[in-house]
C-alpha atoms as a PDB file:
ATOM      1  CA  MET A   1     -21.118 -36.159  41.098  1.00  0.00           C
ATOM      2  CA  ASN A   2     -21.247 -39.762  40.500  1.00  0.00           C
ATOM      3  CA  ASP A   3     -22.287 -42.770  42.484  1.00  0.00           C
ATOM      4  CA  VAL A   4     -18.866 -43.593  43.762  1.00  0.00           C
ATOM      5  CA  MET A   5     -18.614 -40.134  45.228  1.00  0.00           C
ATOM      6  CA  VAL A   6     -22.128 -40.482  46.903  1.00  0.00           C
ATOM      7  CA  VAL A   7     -21.107 -43.770  48.414  1.00  0.00           C
ATOM      8  CA  SER A   8     -17.920 -42.368  49.671  1.00  0.00           C
ATOM      9  CA  ILE A   9     -19.705 -39.497  51.418  1.00  0.00           C
ATOM     10  CA  ILE A  10     -22.183 -41.966  52.938  1.00  0.00           C
ATOM     11  CA  ARG A  11     -19.321 -44.204  54.146  1.00  0.00           C
ATOM     12  CA  GLN A  12     -17.519 -41.234  55.694  1.00  0.00           C
ATOM     13  CA  GLY A  13     -20.692 -40.102  57.346  1.00  0.00           C
ATOM     14  CA  LEU A  14     -21.275 -43.498  58.965  1.00  0.00           C
ATOM     15  CA  THR A  15     -17.712 -43.803  60.075  1.00  0.00           C
ATOM     16  CA  THR A  16     -17.962 -40.362  61.646  1.00  0.00           C
ATOM     17  CA  VAL A  17     -21.023 -41.367  63.510  1.00  0.00           C
ATOM     18  CA  LEU A  18     -19.404 -44.431  64.747  1.00  0.00           C
ATOM     19  CA  LYS A  19     -16.239 -42.505  65.841  1.00  0.00           C
ATOM     20  CA  VAL A  20     -18.188 -39.877  67.696  1.00  0.00           C
ATOM     21  CA  ALA A  21     -20.659 -42.245  69.455  1.00  0.00           C
ATOM     22  CA  GLY A  22     -18.186 -44.989  70.089  1.00  0.00           C
ATOM     23  CA  PRO A  23     -16.578 -43.692  73.335  1.00  0.00           C
ATOM     24  CA  MET A  24     -19.906 -42.991  75.036  1.00  0.00           C
ATOM     25  CA  LEU A  25     -21.475 -46.238  73.927  1.00  0.00           C
ATOM     26  CA  GLY A  26     -18.454 -48.237  75.056  1.00  0.00           C
ATOM     27  CA  VAL A  27     -18.328 -46.553  78.479  1.00  0.00           C
ATOM     28  CA  GLY A  28     -22.028 -47.002  78.971  1.00  0.00           C
ATOM     29  CA  MET A  29     -21.727 -50.684  78.098  1.00  0.00           C
ATOM     30  CA  ILE A  30     -18.782 -51.238  80.434  1.00  0.00           C
ATOM     31  CA  ILE A  31     -20.460 -49.441  83.321  1.00  0.00           C
ATOM     32  CA  GLY A  32     -23.733 -51.251  82.617  1.00  0.00           C
ATOM     33  CA  LEU A  33     -21.906 -54.675  82.805  1.00  0.00           C
ATOM     34  CA  LEU A  34     -20.069 -53.817  86.076  1.00  0.00           C
ATOM     35  CA  VAL A  35     -23.339 -52.606  87.662  1.00  0.00           C
ATOM     36  CA  SER A  36     -25.139 -55.653  86.569  1.00  0.00           C
ATOM     37  CA  VAL A  37     -22.453 -57.963  87.934  1.00  0.00           C
ATOM     38  CA  PHE A  38     -22.597 -56.007  91.199  1.00  0.00           C
ATOM     39  CA  GLN A  39     -26.362 -56.303  91.347  1.00  0.00           C
ATOM     40  CA  ALA A  40     -26.202 -60.089  90.658  1.00  0.00           C
ATOM     41  CA  THR A  41     -23.562 -60.528  93.306  1.00  0.00           C
ATOM     42  CA  THR A  42     -25.406 -58.559  96.076  1.00  0.00           C
ATOM     43  CA  GLN A  43     -28.944 -59.507  94.888  1.00  0.00           C
ATOM     44  CA  ILE A  44     -29.998 -55.775  94.885  1.00  0.00           C
ATOM     45  CA  GLN A  45     -32.576 -55.261  92.084  1.00  0.00           C
ATOM     46  CA  GLU A  46     -32.907 -51.520  92.225  1.00  0.00           C
ATOM     47  CA  GLN A  47     -33.596 -49.923  88.871  1.00  0.00           C
ATOM     48  CA  THR A  48     -31.954 -46.615  89.590  1.00  0.00           C
ATOM     49  CA  LEU A  49     -28.805 -48.350  90.589  1.00  0.00           C
ATOM     50  CA  SER A  50     -28.154 -49.261  86.978  1.00  0.00           C
ATOM     51  CA  PHE A  51     -29.366 -46.139  85.442  1.00  0.00           C
ATOM     52  CA  ILE A  52     -27.650 -43.439  87.476  1.00  0.00           C
ATOM     53  CA  PRO A  53     -23.957 -44.642  87.123  1.00  0.00           C
ATOM     54  CA  LYS A  54     -24.417 -45.008  83.407  1.00  0.00           C
ATOM     55  CA  ILE A  55     -25.753 -41.505  82.900  1.00  0.00           C
ATOM     56  CA  LEU A  56     -22.757 -39.996  85.055  1.00  0.00           C
ATOM     57  CA  ALA A  57     -20.221 -42.104  83.192  1.00  0.00           C
ATOM     58  CA  ILE A  58     -21.537 -40.943  79.773  1.00  0.00           C
ATOM     59  CA  PHE A  59     -21.798 -37.431  80.976  1.00  0.00           C
ATOM     60  CA  PHE A  60     -18.085 -37.429  82.148  1.00  0.00           C
ATOM     61  CA  THR A  61     -16.978 -39.216  78.864  1.00  0.00           C
ATOM     62  CA  LEU A  62     -18.868 -36.449  76.995  1.00  0.00           C
ATOM     63  CA  ILE A  63     -16.932 -33.811  78.931  1.00  0.00           C
ATOM     64  CA  LEU A  64     -13.522 -35.517  78.398  1.00  0.00           C
ATOM     65  CA  CYS A  65     -14.023 -36.435  74.753  1.00  0.00           C
ATOM     66  CA  GLY A  66     -16.082 -33.483  73.747  1.00  0.00           C
ATOM     67  CA  PRO A  67     -13.379 -31.447  72.105  1.00  0.00           C
ATOM     68  CA  TRP A  68     -12.111 -34.390  70.136  1.00  0.00           C
ATOM     69  CA  MET A  69     -15.793 -35.161  69.030  1.00  0.00           C
ATOM     70  CA  LEU A  70     -16.287 -31.628  67.978  1.00  0.00           C
ATOM     71  CA  ARG A  71     -13.072 -31.587  65.944  1.00  0.00           C
ATOM     72  CA  VAL A  72     -14.132 -34.810  64.146  1.00  0.00           C
ATOM     73  CA  LEU A  73     -17.542 -33.378  63.365  1.00  0.00           C
ATOM     74  CA  VAL A  74     -16.015 -30.076  62.073  1.00  0.00           C
ATOM     75  CA  ASP A  75     -13.617 -31.947  59.927  1.00  0.00           C
ATOM     76  CA  PHE A  76     -16.371 -33.915  58.384  1.00  0.00           C
ATOM     77  CA  THR A  77     -18.478 -30.895  57.832  1.00  0.00           C
ATOM     78  CA  THR A  78     -15.642 -29.086  56.230  1.00  0.00           C
ATOM     79  CA  GLU A  79     -15.124 -32.091  53.812  1.00  0.00           C
ATOM     80  CA  LEU A  80     -18.849 -32.018  53.063  1.00  0.00           C
ATOM     81  CA  PHE A  81     -18.607 -28.272  52.083  1.00  0.00           C
ATOM     82  CA  SER A  82     -15.628 -29.051  49.871  1.00  0.00           C
ATOM     83  CA  TYR A  83     -17.626 -31.692  48.156  1.00  0.00           C
ATOM     84  CA  LEU A  84     -20.389 -29.149  47.647  1.00  0.00           C
ATOM     85  CA  ILE A  85     -17.910 -26.728  46.042  1.00  0.00           C
ATOM     86  CA  GLN A  86     -16.732 -29.409  43.729  1.00  0.00           C
ATOM     87  CA  VAL A  87     -20.232 -30.466  42.645  1.00  0.00           C
ATOM     88  CA  SER A  88     -21.314 -26.752  42.057  1.00  0.00           C
ATOM     89  CA  ARG A  89     -18.454 -26.375  39.660  1.00  0.00           C
ATOM     90  CA  TRP A  90     -19.660 -29.053  37.310  1.00  0.00           C
END
């Protein structure tokens, strides 16, 4: 195992984390923006008004994208185990 392989594994890990967390973070950011515009328009400054819609949106995004996220994580784990087999042969 050389340094190029280690950097490649780390890069793949970070890319996988961004792919898996991206949909939930994006939905949370969009819902947060919409709720803050609504709060600014109506001058309602209730803290739970911004928290509950984001939690519900992230929860439903997790339900909808869960199988895809699991598949991405399983594929990455399979690649890690294949790297482990390659390293153990050396």
